[in-house]
């Protein structure tokens, strides 16, 4: 688990983790008291080999903190 920031002007961020693969389960949510006015919530999390992408609902107008947790790594 961890926290990452979606930068002003962006709608997504890539988090690298060596044990994540395309079938891993990752959950994420906006985790700050006064969230950005446009990026209100996480729309999707897309896992891939060695990373996952967190995508919000819109481009952020301010840096937006997102908390994430890997639920299942599905290591083979």
Protein backbone atom coordinates (compact mmCIF):
# COMPACT_ATOMS: atom_id res chain seq x y z
CA UNK A 1 0.00 0.00 0.00
CA UNK A 2 1.05 3.56 -0.46
CA UNK A 3 0.18 7.06 -1.58
CA UNK A 4 0.92 8.85 -4.82
CA UNK A 5 0.02 12.22 -6.25
CA UNK A 6 -1.68 12.91 -9.57
CA UNK A 7 0.01 16.10 -10.78
CA UNK A 8 -1.76 19.30 -11.71
CA UNK A 9 -2.92 19.03 -15.33
CA UNK A 10 -2.79 15.22 -15.40
CA UNK A 11 -5.58 12.67 -15.06
CA UNK A 12 -3.41 9.64 -14.27
CA UNK A 13 -0.22 8.42 -12.68
CA UNK A 14 1.85 5.25 -13.12
CA UNK A 15 3.06 3.42 -10.00
CA UNK A 16 5.86 0.88 -10.43
CA UNK A 17 5.93 -2.29 -8.35
CA UNK A 18 8.03 -5.29 -9.41
CA UNK A 19 5.51 -7.94 -8.28
CA UNK A 20 2.43 -6.52 -10.02
CA UNK A 21 1.23 -8.19 -13.21
CA UNK A 22 -1.76 -7.79 -15.52
CA UNK A 23 -4.02 -9.94 -13.30
CA UNK A 24 -3.14 -8.25 -9.99
CA UNK A 25 -5.97 -6.60 -8.03
CA UNK A 26 -5.28 -3.00 -6.97
CA UNK A 27 -7.69 -0.55 -5.35
CA UNK A 28 -7.23 3.22 -5.09
CA UNK A 29 -9.11 6.27 -3.88
CA UNK A 30 -8.62 10.02 -3.59
CA UNK A 31 -7.34 10.50 -0.04
CA UNK A 32 -7.22 14.15 0.87
CA UNK A 33 -9.70 16.23 2.83
CA UNK A 34 -10.09 18.96 0.22
CA UNK A 35 -9.85 17.06 -3.04
CA UNK A 36 -9.29 18.75 -6.37
CA UNK A 37 -12.46 20.35 -7.79
CA UNK A 38 -12.35 18.34 -11.02
CA UNK A 39 -10.56 15.07 -10.20
CA UNK A 40 -13.09 13.88 -7.62
CA UNK A 41 -12.46 10.13 -7.63
CA UNK A 42 -10.52 7.30 -9.22
CA UNK A 43 -12.18 6.02 -12.37
CA UNK A 44 -10.01 2.93 -12.94
CA UNK A 45 -6.82 1.14 -11.98
CA UNK A 46 -5.08 -0.72 -14.79
CA UNK A 47 -2.43 -3.27 -13.76
CA UNK A 48 0.41 -4.29 -16.10
CA UNK A 49 3.72 -6.12 -15.81
CA UNK A 50 5.68 -4.27 -13.13
CA UNK A 51 3.31 -1.32 -12.72
CA UNK A 52 -0.26 -0.07 -12.55
CA UNK A 53 -1.92 3.10 -13.77
CA UNK A 54 -4.37 5.04 -11.61
CA UNK A 55 -6.76 7.14 -13.70
CA UNK A 56 -9.02 9.83 -12.26
CA UNK A 57 -12.29 11.31 -13.53
CA UNK A 58 -10.67 14.43 -15.07
CA UNK A 59 -7.45 16.39 -15.30
CA UNK A 60 -6.47 17.69 -11.85
CA UNK A 61 -6.45 21.45 -11.27
CA UNK A 62 -4.20 20.87 -8.22
CA UNK A 63 -1.95 18.00 -7.11
CA UNK A 64 -4.31 15.27 -5.88
CA UNK A 65 -3.25 12.59 -3.39
CA UNK A 66 -4.40 9.02 -4.04
CA UNK A 67 -4.03 6.09 -1.65
CA UNK A 68 -3.59 2.63 -3.19
CA UNK A 69 -3.43 -0.96 -2.01
CA UNK A 70 -2.46 -4.15 -3.79
CA UNK A 71 -5.05 -6.75 -2.83
CA UNK A 72 -3.70 -9.71 -4.79
CA UNK A 73 -0.38 -10.02 -6.59
CA UNK A 74 -1.12 -13.28 -8.44
CA UNK A 75 2.56 -14.18 -8.47
CA UNK A 76 3.30 -17.23 -10.63
